[in-house]
Amino acid sequence: MTQTNMTAREREYTPSSCVENLDDVLLNFAEQCISMSEKYKPNTRADVPYGEAPRTVMDIFVPDGDGPFPVHVFVHGGYWQEFSKAESTFAAGNFLNHNRILVVMDYTLAPEAKMAQIIDEARSCAVWVANNIADYGGDPDNISMSGHSAGAHLLAQILAMDWQSEGFDTCPLKGATLVSGVYDLRPLVGTTINDALAMDADEAARHSPQFHLPKPACPIVLSVGGIETDAFKSQTQNFADALHKAGHDCTIIPMAEFNHFDIILELANPQSPLFLAIKAQMQAKG
């Protein structure tokens, strides 16, 4: 591949290339997270472990009152090498106000962890929630999940895991919402994005949900911003096409006015199409 083509591919998989006011967007993101963490500290069960590694912990935001409450688990992005649950609390107030538990999870980041370990940790978190959330007032029969960017990829891997080996007849989730994800990892090989991950072509293909689809189970919502690169838009459409072909109940929610970063903040907006889709998946009034 020529340097020109490589540079173009790098740009297509750099979400900030479409954002002129990135600093303002990220500042708003951080301010919302800090505000929610402080305001709802009494509702927070912090650093609950779901695994053995230091970063295999989560924060659980529990509404006031008596449960059992519907449960939503959010998987953060950051190209598997940045961010944490501390940057995942922006929607806590919205979920709590609708009497939903919100779980925000950490996982070990690259280069400390390879992709296989990161996927295993995300899957372990989902299993832990399904098995243990009742102890925190959650309804284990009413769990949904969402993921953003790298988190959308990890959620796709959660959907595709062998749930029977974990003691479940089928995937226990009531719904999954995947936002601005990368589902074919092969284009990342050779870019600086892959420096920390160090995937070769075979590893990238092996960990690409595009080629390892889950069995049809829960409804799946895909979304991508209108102010995103063609690569991210194509990744979403191609994955949706594959899911449809495999018999999944899959819907794309277009978000024309949003970029890669501010789109996920719509989970904090009670009237946004993304939140309303999640609310419908969670099968509860409120």
C-alpha atoms as a PDB file:
ATOM      1  CA  MET A   1       0.000   0.000   0.000  1.00  0.00           C
ATOM      2  CA  THR A   2       1.313   3.433  -0.917  1.00  0.00           C
ATOM      3  CA  GLN A   3       1.963   6.079   1.714  1.00  0.00           C
ATOM      4  CA  THR A   4      -0.871   8.158   0.232  1.00  0.00           C
ATOM      5  CA  ASN A   5      -3.361   5.311   0.621  1.00  0.00           C
ATOM      6  CA  MET A   6      -2.055   4.573   4.099  1.00  0.00           C
ATOM      7  CA  THR A   7      -2.509   8.197   5.129  1.00  0.00           C
ATOM      8  CA  ALA A   8      -6.057   8.200   3.754  1.00  0.00           C
ATOM      9  CA  ARG A   9      -6.910   5.025   5.675  1.00  0.00           C
ATOM     10  CA  GLU A  10      -5.408   6.443   8.846  1.00  0.00           C
ATOM     11  CA  ARG A  11      -7.560   9.540   8.458  1.00  0.00           C
ATOM     12  CA  GLU A  12     -10.705   7.486   7.827  1.00  0.00           C
ATOM     13  CA  TYR A  13     -10.196   5.640  11.100  1.00  0.00           C
ATOM     14  CA  THR A  14      -9.325   8.762  13.091  1.00  0.00           C
ATOM     15  CA  PRO A  15     -12.684   9.979  14.448  1.00  0.00           C
ATOM     16  CA  SER A  16     -11.404  13.452  15.293  1.00  0.00           C
ATOM     17  CA  SER A  17     -10.693  14.135  11.604  1.00  0.00           C
ATOM     18  CA  CYS A  18     -14.352  15.164  11.226  1.00  0.00           C
ATOM     19  CA  VAL A  19     -14.550  17.321  14.347  1.00  0.00           C
ATOM     20  CA  GLU A  20     -13.536  20.978  14.306  1.00  0.00           C
ATOM     21  CA  ASN A  21     -14.366  21.722  17.943  1.00  0.00           C
ATOM     22  CA  LEU A  22     -12.942  18.566  19.489  1.00  0.00           C
ATOM     23  CA  ASP A  23     -11.641  20.310  22.613  1.00  0.00           C
ATOM     24  CA  ASP A  24     -15.083  21.752  23.338  1.00  0.00           C
ATOM     25  CA  VAL A  25     -16.768  18.391  22.759  1.00  0.00           C
ATOM     26  CA  LEU A  26     -14.368  16.564  25.070  1.00  0.00           C
ATOM     27  CA  LEU A  27     -14.659  19.282  27.727  1.00  0.00           C
ATOM     28  CA  ASN A  28     -18.440  18.962  27.661  1.00  0.00           C
ATOM     29  CA  PHE A  29     -18.062  15.200  27.918  1.00  0.00           C
ATOM     30  CA  ALA A  30     -15.791  15.491  30.950  1.00  0.00           C
ATOM     31  CA  GLU A  31     -17.996  18.059  32.676  1.00  0.00           C
ATOM     32  CA  GLN A  32     -21.068  15.855  32.322  1.00  0.00           C
ATOM     33  CA  CYS A  33     -19.222  12.864  33.758  1.00  0.00           C
ATOM     34  CA  ILE A  34     -17.909  14.824  36.739  1.00  0.00           C
ATOM     35  CA  SER A  35     -21.333  16.314  37.402  1.00  0.00           C
ATOM     36  CA  MET A  36     -23.092  12.947  37.327  1.00  0.00           C
ATOM     37  CA  SER A  37     -20.454  11.252  39.486  1.00  0.00           C
ATOM     38  CA  GLU A  38     -20.746  13.930  42.157  1.00  0.00           C
ATOM     39  CA  LYS A  39     -24.523  14.311  42.067  1.00  0.00           C
ATOM     40  CA  TYR A  40     -25.287  10.603  42.238  1.00  0.00           C
ATOM     41  CA  LYS A  41     -22.510   9.469  44.547  1.00  0.00           C
ATOM     42  CA  PRO A  42     -25.081   8.243  47.123  1.00  0.00           C
ATOM     43  CA  ASN A  43     -26.546   5.979  44.425  1.00  0.00           C
ATOM     44  CA  THR A  44     -23.172   4.563  43.383  1.00  0.00           C
ATOM     45  CA  ARG A  45     -21.739   1.194  44.299  1.00  0.00           C
ATOM     46  CA  ALA A  46     -18.171   1.935  43.241  1.00  0.00           C
ATOM     47  CA  ASP A  47     -15.385  -0.357  42.057  1.00  0.00           C
ATOM     48  CA  VAL A  48     -17.345  -3.586  42.233  1.00  0.00           C
ATOM     49  CA  PRO A  49     -15.013  -6.325  40.929  1.00  0.00           C
ATOM     50  CA  TYR A  50     -16.089  -8.694  38.185  1.00  0.00           C
ATOM     51  CA  GLY A  51     -12.666 -10.263  37.624  1.00  0.00           C
ATOM     52  CA  GLU A  52      -9.159 -10.619  39.029  1.00  0.00           C
ATOM     53  CA  ALA A  53      -7.267  -7.937  37.074  1.00  0.00           C
ATOM     54  CA  PRO A  54      -7.004  -4.465  38.660  1.00  0.00           C
ATOM     55  CA  ARG A  55      -9.173  -2.833  35.988  1.00  0.00           C
ATOM     56  CA  THR A  56     -11.890  -5.479  35.959  1.00  0.00           C
ATOM     57  CA  VAL A  57     -14.197  -3.346  38.086  1.00  0.00           C
ATOM     58  CA  MET A  58     -17.429  -1.454  37.527  1.00  0.00           C
ATOM     59  CA  ASP A  59     -19.578   1.247  39.063  1.00  0.00           C
ATOM     60  CA  ILE A  60     -23.250   0.435  39.590  1.00  0.00           C
ATOM     61  CA  PHE A  61     -25.740   3.314  39.791  1.00  0.00           C
ATOM     62  CA  VAL A  62     -28.871   2.161  41.631  1.00  0.00           C
ATOM     63  CA  PRO A  63     -32.130   4.157  41.726  1.00  0.00           C
ATOM     64  CA  ASP A  64     -33.798   5.077  44.992  1.00  0.00           C
ATOM     65  CA  GLY A  65     -36.691   2.882  46.029  1.00  0.00           C
ATOM     66  CA  ASP A  66     -37.434  -0.778  45.764  1.00  0.00           C
ATOM     67  CA  GLY A  67     -36.445  -2.976  42.849  1.00  0.00           C
ATOM     68  CA  PRO A  68     -36.043  -5.076  40.987  1.00  0.00           C
ATOM     69  CA  PHE A  69     -34.964  -2.491  38.423  1.00  0.00           C
ATOM     70  CA  PRO A  70     -34.202  -2.942  34.722  1.00  0.00           C
ATOM     71  CA  VAL A  71     -30.451  -2.938  34.126  1.00  0.00           C
ATOM     72  CA  HIS A  72     -28.331  -1.273  31.461  1.00  0.00           C
ATOM     73  CA  VAL A  73     -24.603  -1.889  31.015  1.00  0.00           C
ATOM     74  CA  PHE A  74     -22.441   0.597  29.089  1.00  0.00           C
ATOM     75  CA  VAL A  75     -19.100  -0.338  27.474  1.00  0.00           C
ATOM     76  CA  HIS A  76     -16.823   2.640  26.823  1.00  0.00           C
ATOM     77  CA  GLY A  77     -14.722   3.301  23.751  1.00  0.00           C
ATOM     78  CA  GLY A  78     -11.214   4.647  23.221  1.00  0.00           C
ATOM     79  CA  TYR A  79      -9.804   2.254  20.611  1.00  0.00           C
ATOM     80  CA  TRP A  80      -9.237  -0.338  23.378  1.00  0.00           C
ATOM     81  CA  GLN A  81      -6.387   1.815  24.741  1.00  0.00           C
ATOM     82  CA  GLU A  82      -7.937   4.913  26.325  1.00  0.00           C
ATOM     83  CA  PHE A  83     -10.648   6.073  28.745  1.00  0.00           C
ATOM     84  CA  SER A  84     -12.364   4.318  31.614  1.00  0.00           C
ATOM     85  CA  LYS A  85     -15.580   4.078  33.572  1.00  0.00           C
ATOM     86  CA  ALA A  86     -14.810   7.558  34.921  1.00  0.00           C
ATOM     87  CA  GLU A  87     -15.630   8.871  31.434  1.00  0.00           C
ATOM     88  CA  SER A  88     -18.768   6.716  31.236  1.00  0.00           C
ATOM     89  CA  THR A  89     -21.023   8.294  33.860  1.00  0.00           C
ATOM     90  CA  PHE A  90     -22.538  11.036  31.677  1.00  0.00           C
ATOM     91  CA  ALA A  91     -25.920   9.287  31.359  1.00  0.00           C
ATOM     92  CA  ALA A  92     -26.285   8.172  34.979  1.00  0.00           C
ATOM     93  CA  GLY A  93     -28.921  10.760  35.840  1.00  0.00           C
ATOM     94  CA  ASN A  94     -31.100   9.894  32.870  1.00  0.00           C
ATOM     95  CA  PHE A  95     -31.133   6.186  33.655  1.00  0.00           C
ATOM     96  CA  LEU A  96     -31.701   6.737  37.371  1.00  0.00           C
ATOM     97  CA  ASN A  97     -34.536   9.166  36.661  1.00  0.00           C
ATOM     98  CA  HIS A  98     -36.195   6.415  34.621  1.00  0.00           C
ATOM     99  CA  ASN A  99     -35.700   3.854  37.404  1.00  0.00           C
ATOM    100  CA  ARG A 100     -32.994   1.951  35.567  1.00  0.00           C
ATOM    101  CA  ILE A 101     -29.755   0.663  37.010  1.00  0.00           C
ATOM    102  CA  LEU A 102     -26.732   1.815  35.023  1.00  0.00           C
ATOM    103  CA  VAL A 103     -23.526  -0.220  35.107  1.00  0.00           C
ATOM    104  CA  VAL A 104     -20.332   1.338  33.717  1.00  0.00           C
ATOM    105  CA  MET A 105     -17.370  -0.976  33.371  1.00  0.00           C
ATOM    106  CA  ASP A 106     -13.608  -0.794  33.154  1.00  0.00           C
ATOM    107  CA  TYR A 107     -11.398  -3.256  31.322  1.00  0.00           C
ATOM    108  CA  THR A 108      -7.649  -3.657  30.893  1.00  0.00           C
ATOM    109  CA  LEU A 109      -6.344  -1.466  28.089  1.00  0.00           C
ATOM    110  CA  ALA A 110      -3.737  -2.051  25.389  1.00  0.00           C
ATOM    111  CA  PRO A 111      -0.774  -2.358  25.365  1.00  0.00           C
ATOM    112  CA  GLU A 112      -1.069  -3.967  28.794  1.00  0.00           C
ATOM    113  CA  ALA A 113      -3.665  -6.343  27.377  1.00  0.00           C
ATOM    114  CA  LYS A 114      -3.966  -7.945  23.968  1.00  0.00           C
ATOM    115  CA  MET A 115      -7.279  -7.915  22.147  1.00  0.00           C
ATOM    116  CA  ALA A 116      -8.173 -11.461  23.209  1.00  0.00           C
ATOM    117  CA  GLN A 117      -7.861 -10.544  26.890  1.00  0.00           C
ATOM    118  CA  ILE A 118      -9.907  -7.363  26.466  1.00  0.00           C
ATOM    119  CA  ILE A 119     -12.708  -9.337  24.798  1.00  0.00           C
ATOM    120  CA  ASP A 120     -12.602 -12.005  27.507  1.00  0.00           C
ATOM    121  CA  GLU A 121     -12.881  -9.352  30.210  1.00  0.00           C
ATOM    122  CA  ALA A 122     -15.862  -7.678  28.552  1.00  0.00           C
ATOM    123  CA  ARG A 123     -17.589 -11.042  28.265  1.00  0.00           C
ATOM    124  CA  SER A 124     -16.809 -11.821  31.900  1.00  0.00           C
ATOM    125  CA  CYS A 125     -18.430  -8.556  32.957  1.00  0.00           C
ATOM    126  CA  ALA A 126     -21.624  -9.380  31.074  1.00  0.00           C
ATOM    127  CA  VAL A 127     -21.762 -12.819  32.679  1.00  0.00           C
ATOM    128  CA  TRP A 128     -21.119 -11.341  36.133  1.00  0.00           C
ATOM    129  CA  VAL A 129     -23.959  -8.856  35.719  1.00  0.00           C
ATOM    130  CA  ALA A 130     -26.374 -11.552  34.574  1.00  0.00           C
ATOM    131  CA  ASN A 131     -25.458 -13.743  37.541  1.00  0.00           C
ATOM    132  CA  ASN A 132     -25.122 -11.134  40.284  1.00  0.00           C
ATOM    133  CA  ILE A 133     -27.035  -7.937  39.535  1.00  0.00           C
ATOM    134  CA  ALA A 134     -29.999  -9.134  41.613  1.00  0.00           C
ATOM    135  CA  ASP A 135     -27.830  -8.538  44.696  1.00  0.00           C
ATOM    136  CA  TYR A 136     -27.863  -4.827  43.779  1.00  0.00           C
ATOM    137  CA  GLY A 137     -31.581  -4.559  43.149  1.00  0.00           C
ATOM    138  CA  GLY A 138     -31.413  -5.377  39.454  1.00  0.00           C
ATOM    139  CA  ASP A 139     -33.699  -7.617  37.438  1.00  0.00           C
ATOM    140  CA  PRO A 140     -31.538 -10.352  35.863  1.00  0.00           C
ATOM    141  CA  ASP A 141     -34.296 -11.008  33.334  1.00  0.00           C
ATOM    142  CA  ASN A 142     -34.275  -7.400  32.112  1.00  0.00           C
ATOM    143  CA  ILE A 143     -30.720  -6.513  31.089  1.00  0.00           C
ATOM    144  CA  SER A 144     -29.678  -4.505  28.046  1.00  0.00           C
ATOM    145  CA  MET A 145     -26.287  -3.205  26.963  1.00  0.00           C
ATOM    146  CA  SER A 146     -24.788  -0.471  24.824  1.00  0.00           C
ATOM    147  CA  GLY A 147     -21.280   0.195  23.588  1.00  0.00           C
ATOM    148  CA  HIS A 148     -19.577   3.123  21.915  1.00  0.00           C
ATOM    149  CA  SER A 149     -16.748   2.899  19.358  1.00  0.00           C
ATOM    150  CA  ALA A 150     -14.409   0.175  20.681  1.00  0.00           C
ATOM    151  CA  GLY A 151     -17.149  -0.579  23.195  1.00  0.00           C
ATOM    152  CA  ALA A 152     -19.525  -1.359  20.330  1.00  0.00           C
ATOM    153  CA  HIS A 153     -17.000  -3.887  19.027  1.00  0.00           C
ATOM    154  CA  LEU A 154     -16.744  -5.451  22.488  1.00  0.00           C
ATOM    155  CA  LEU A 155     -20.518  -5.606  22.806  1.00  0.00           C
ATOM    156  CA  ALA A 156     -20.705  -7.411  19.465  1.00  0.00           C
ATOM    157  CA  GLN A 157     -18.219  -9.920  20.870  1.00  0.00           C
ATOM    158  CA  ILE A 158     -20.357 -10.305  23.986  1.00  0.00           C
ATOM    159  CA  LEU A 159     -23.365 -11.113  21.818  1.00  0.00           C
ATOM    160  CA  ALA A 160     -21.348 -13.734  19.930  1.00  0.00           C
ATOM    161  CA  MET A 161     -19.925 -15.525  22.963  1.00  0.00           C
ATOM    162  CA  ASP A 162     -20.785 -19.108  23.888  1.00  0.00           C
ATOM    163  CA  TRP A 163     -23.469 -18.371  26.459  1.00  0.00           C
ATOM    164  CA  GLN A 164     -24.302 -22.047  26.949  1.00  0.00           C
ATOM    165  CA  SER A 165     -20.813 -22.653  28.324  1.00  0.00           C
ATOM    166  CA  GLU A 166     -21.650 -20.047  30.989  1.00  0.00           C
ATOM    167  CA  GLY A 167     -24.852 -21.820  31.994  1.00  0.00           C
ATOM    168  CA  PHE A 168     -27.356 -19.877  29.875  1.00  0.00           C
ATOM    169  CA  ASP A 169     -29.638 -21.407  27.265  1.00  0.00           C
ATOM    170  CA  THR A 170     -29.137 -18.344  25.066  1.00  0.00           C
ATOM    171  CA  CYS A 171     -27.894 -14.769  25.302  1.00  0.00           C
ATOM    172  CA  PRO A 172     -29.740 -13.294  28.321  1.00  0.00           C
ATOM    173  CA  LEU A 173     -29.751  -9.707  27.055  1.00  0.00           C
ATOM    174  CA  LYS A 174     -33.049  -8.052  26.116  1.00  0.00           C
ATOM    175  CA  GLY A 175     -31.360  -5.703  23.678  1.00  0.00           C
ATOM    176  CA  ALA A 176     -28.043  -4.315  22.471  1.00  0.00           C
ATOM    177  CA  THR A 177     -27.241  -0.853  21.095  1.00  0.00           C
ATOM    178  CA  LEU A 178     -23.970  -0.488  19.188  1.00  0.00           C
ATOM    179  CA  VAL A 179     -22.865   3.072  18.422  1.00  0.00           C
ATOM    180  CA  SER A 180     -20.106   4.118  15.991  1.00  0.00           C
ATOM    181  CA  GLY A 181     -18.306   0.801  16.137  1.00  0.00           C
ATOM    182  CA  VAL A 182     -15.585  -0.949  14.158  1.00  0.00           C
ATOM    183  CA  TYR A 183     -16.659  -4.488  13.308  1.00  0.00           C
ATOM    184  CA  ASP A 184     -13.997  -5.403  10.735  1.00  0.00           C
ATOM    185  CA  LEU A 185     -10.630  -4.774  12.386  1.00  0.00           C
ATOM    186  CA  ARG A 186      -8.470  -5.597   9.382  1.00  0.00           C
ATOM    187  CA  PRO A 187      -8.195  -1.985   8.126  1.00  0.00           C
ATOM    188  CA  LEU A 188      -6.581  -0.996  11.431  1.00  0.00           C
ATOM    189  CA  VAL A 189      -3.542  -3.179  10.787  1.00  0.00           C
ATOM    190  CA  GLY A 190      -0.705  -0.975   9.584  1.00  0.00           C
ATOM    191  CA  THR A 191      -2.135   2.201  11.112  1.00  0.00           C
ATOM    192  CA  THR A 192      -0.856   3.914  14.245  1.00  0.00           C
ATOM    193  CA  ILE A 193      -4.106   2.887  15.920  1.00  0.00           C
ATOM    194  CA  ASN A 194      -2.732  -0.650  15.939  1.00  0.00           C
ATOM    195  CA  ASP A 195       0.603   0.273  17.538  1.00  0.00           C
ATOM    196  CA  ALA A 196      -0.625  -0.467  21.060  1.00  0.00           C
ATOM    197  CA  LEU A 197      -2.735  -3.453  19.982  1.00  0.00           C
ATOM    198  CA  ALA A 198      -0.044  -5.065  17.811  1.00  0.00           C
ATOM    199  CA  MET A 199      -2.530  -7.183  15.855  1.00  0.00           C
ATOM    200  CA  ASP A 200      -1.436  -9.016  12.745  1.00  0.00           C
ATOM    201  CA  ALA A 201      -3.873  -9.610   9.892  1.00  0.00           C
ATOM    202  CA  ASP A 202      -4.976 -13.025  11.157  1.00  0.00           C
ATOM    203  CA  GLU A 203      -5.601 -11.724  14.674  1.00  0.00           C
ATOM    204  CA  ALA A 204      -7.557  -8.761  13.346  1.00  0.00           C
ATOM    205  CA  ALA A 205      -9.788 -11.059  11.304  1.00  0.00           C
ATOM    206  CA  ARG A 206     -10.202 -13.476  14.207  1.00  0.00           C
ATOM    207  CA  HIS A 207     -11.474 -10.698  16.464  1.00  0.00           C
ATOM    208  CA  SER A 208     -13.740  -9.054  13.872  1.00  0.00           C
ATOM    209  CA  PRO A 209     -17.464  -9.448  14.641  1.00  0.00           C
ATOM    210  CA  GLN A 210     -18.159  -8.980  10.933  1.00  0.00           C
ATOM    211  CA  PHE A 211     -16.917 -12.532  10.371  1.00  0.00           C
ATOM    212  CA  HIS A 212     -18.092 -14.124  13.628  1.00  0.00           C
ATOM    213  CA  LEU A 213     -21.739 -13.213  13.973  1.00  0.00           C
ATOM    214  CA  PRO A 214     -23.843 -14.055  17.022  1.00  0.00           C
ATOM    215  CA  LYS A 215     -26.825 -16.336  16.789  1.00  0.00           C
ATOM    216  CA  PRO A 216     -30.095 -14.396  16.541  1.00  0.00           C
ATOM    217  CA  ALA A 217     -31.308 -13.608  20.061  1.00  0.00           C
ATOM    218  CA  CYS A 218     -32.066 -10.082  21.251  1.00  0.00           C
ATOM    219  CA  PRO A 219     -32.942  -7.022  19.117  1.00  0.00           C
ATOM    220  CA  ILE A 220     -29.877  -5.077  17.977  1.00  0.00           C
ATOM    221  CA  VAL A 221     -29.741  -1.349  17.289  1.00  0.00           C
ATOM    222  CA  LEU A 222     -26.842   0.127  15.320  1.00  0.00           C
ATOM    223  CA  SER A 223     -26.122   3.827  15.015  1.00  0.00           C
ATOM    224  CA  VAL A 224     -23.489   6.111  13.548  1.00  0.00           C
ATOM    225  CA  GLY A 225     -23.202   9.862  13.304  1.00  0.00           C
ATOM    226  CA  GLY A 226     -23.767  11.770  10.099  1.00  0.00           C
ATOM    227  CA  ILE A 227     -20.599  13.749  10.849  1.00  0.00           C
ATOM    228  CA  GLU A 228     -18.341  10.703  10.837  1.00  0.00           C
ATOM    229  CA  THR A 229     -15.950   9.331   8.251  1.00  0.00           C
ATOM    230  CA  ASP A 230     -17.085   7.116   5.403  1.00  0.00           C
ATOM    231  CA  ALA A 231     -15.192   4.256   7.038  1.00  0.00           C
ATOM    232  CA  PHE A 232     -17.275   4.370  10.211  1.00  0.00           C
ATOM    233  CA  LYS A 233     -20.490   4.680   8.216  1.00  0.00           C
ATOM    234  CA  SER A 234     -19.514   1.715   6.045  1.00  0.00           C
ATOM    235  CA  GLN A 235     -18.550  -0.369   9.075  1.00  0.00           C
ATOM    236  CA  THR A 236     -22.029   0.157  10.519  1.00  0.00           C
ATOM    237  CA  GLN A 237     -23.872  -0.554   7.271  1.00  0.00           C
ATOM    238  CA  ASN A 238     -21.806  -3.642   6.463  1.00  0.00           C
ATOM    239  CA  PHE A 239     -22.357  -5.094   9.923  1.00  0.00           C
ATOM    240  CA  ALA A 240     -26.077  -4.373   9.734  1.00  0.00           C
ATOM    241  CA  ASP A 241     -26.257  -6.092   6.355  1.00  0.00           C
ATOM    242  CA  ALA A 242     -24.497  -9.165   7.741  1.00  0.00           C
ATOM    243  CA  LEU A 243     -26.794  -9.274  10.771  1.00  0.00           C
ATOM    244  CA  HIS A 244     -29.896  -8.985   8.599  1.00  0.00           C
ATOM    245  CA  LYS A 245     -28.654 -11.763   6.335  1.00  0.00           C
ATOM    246  CA  ALA A 246     -28.120 -13.960   9.408  1.00  0.00           C
ATOM    247  CA  GLY A 247     -31.706 -13.413  10.528  1.00  0.00           C
ATOM    248  CA  HIS A 248     -31.232 -10.828  13.265  1.00  0.00           C
ATOM    249  CA  ASP A 249     -33.762  -8.239  14.381  1.00  0.00           C
ATOM    250  CA  CYS A 250     -31.499  -5.298  13.562  1.00  0.00           C
ATOM    251  CA  THR A 251     -32.311  -1.603  13.167  1.00  0.00           C
ATOM    252  CA  ILE A 252     -30.109   1.330  12.166  1.00  0.00           C
ATOM    253  CA  ILE A 253     -30.828   4.653  13.846  1.00  0.00           C
ATOM    254  CA  PRO A 254     -29.231   7.469  11.809  1.00  0.00           C
ATOM    255  CA  MET A 255     -27.956  10.431  13.818  1.00  0.00           C
ATOM    256  CA  ALA A 256     -27.288  12.941  11.064  1.00  0.00           C
ATOM    257  CA  GLU A 257     -26.280  15.940  13.180  1.00  0.00           C
ATOM    258  CA  PHE A 258     -23.802  14.151  15.427  1.00  0.00           C
ATOM    259  CA  ASN A 259     -20.110  13.286  15.272  1.00  0.00           C
ATOM    260  CA  HIS A 260     -18.239  10.318  16.714  1.00  0.00           C
ATOM    261  CA  PHE A 261     -17.926  11.898  20.133  1.00  0.00           C
ATOM    262  CA  ASP A 262     -21.134  13.780  20.857  1.00  0.00           C
ATOM    263  CA  ILE A 263     -23.409  11.023  19.520  1.00  0.00           C
ATOM    264  CA  ILE A 264     -23.014   8.923  22.650  1.00  0.00           C
ATOM    265  CA  LEU A 265     -23.928  11.850  24.902  1.00  0.00           C
ATOM    266  CA  GLU A 266     -27.452  11.373  23.555  1.00  0.00           C
ATOM    267  CA  LEU A 267     -27.842   8.536  26.051  1.00  0.00           C
ATOM    268  CA  ALA A 268     -28.228  11.355  28.574  1.00  0.00           C
ATOM    269  CA  ASN A 269     -31.083  12.893  26.569  1.00  0.00           C
ATOM    270  CA  PRO A 270     -34.429  11.340  27.568  1.00  0.00           C
ATOM    271  CA  GLN A 271     -35.972  12.226  24.181  1.00  0.00           C
ATOM    272  CA  SER A 272     -33.151  11.021  21.955  1.00  0.00           C
ATOM    273  CA  PRO A 273     -33.792   8.138  19.539  1.00  0.00           C
ATOM    274  CA  LEU A 274     -30.918   6.186  21.086  1.00  0.00           C
ATOM    275  CA  PHE A 275     -32.205   6.400  24.639  1.00  0.00           C
ATOM    276  CA  LEU A 276     -35.784   5.712  23.586  1.00  0.00           C
ATOM    277  CA  ALA A 277     -34.608   2.584  21.761  1.00  0.00           C
ATOM    278  CA  ILE A 278     -32.776   1.390  24.864  1.00  0.00           C
ATOM    279  CA  LYS A 279     -35.755   2.208  27.057  1.00  0.00           C
ATOM    280  CA  ALA A 280     -37.994   0.115  24.813  1.00  0.00           C
ATOM    281  CA  GLN A 281     -35.559  -2.801  25.018  1.00  0.00           C
ATOM    282  CA  MET A 282     -35.627  -2.724  28.803  1.00  0.00           C
ATOM    283  CA  GLN A 283     -39.310  -3.629  28.950  1.00  0.00           C
ATOM    284  CA  ALA A 284     -40.408  -1.490  31.863  1.00  0.00           C
ATOM    285  CA  LYS A 285     -42.611   1.485  32.590  1.00  0.00           C
ATOM    286  CA  GLY A 286     -41.175   4.800  33.702  1.00  0.00           C
END
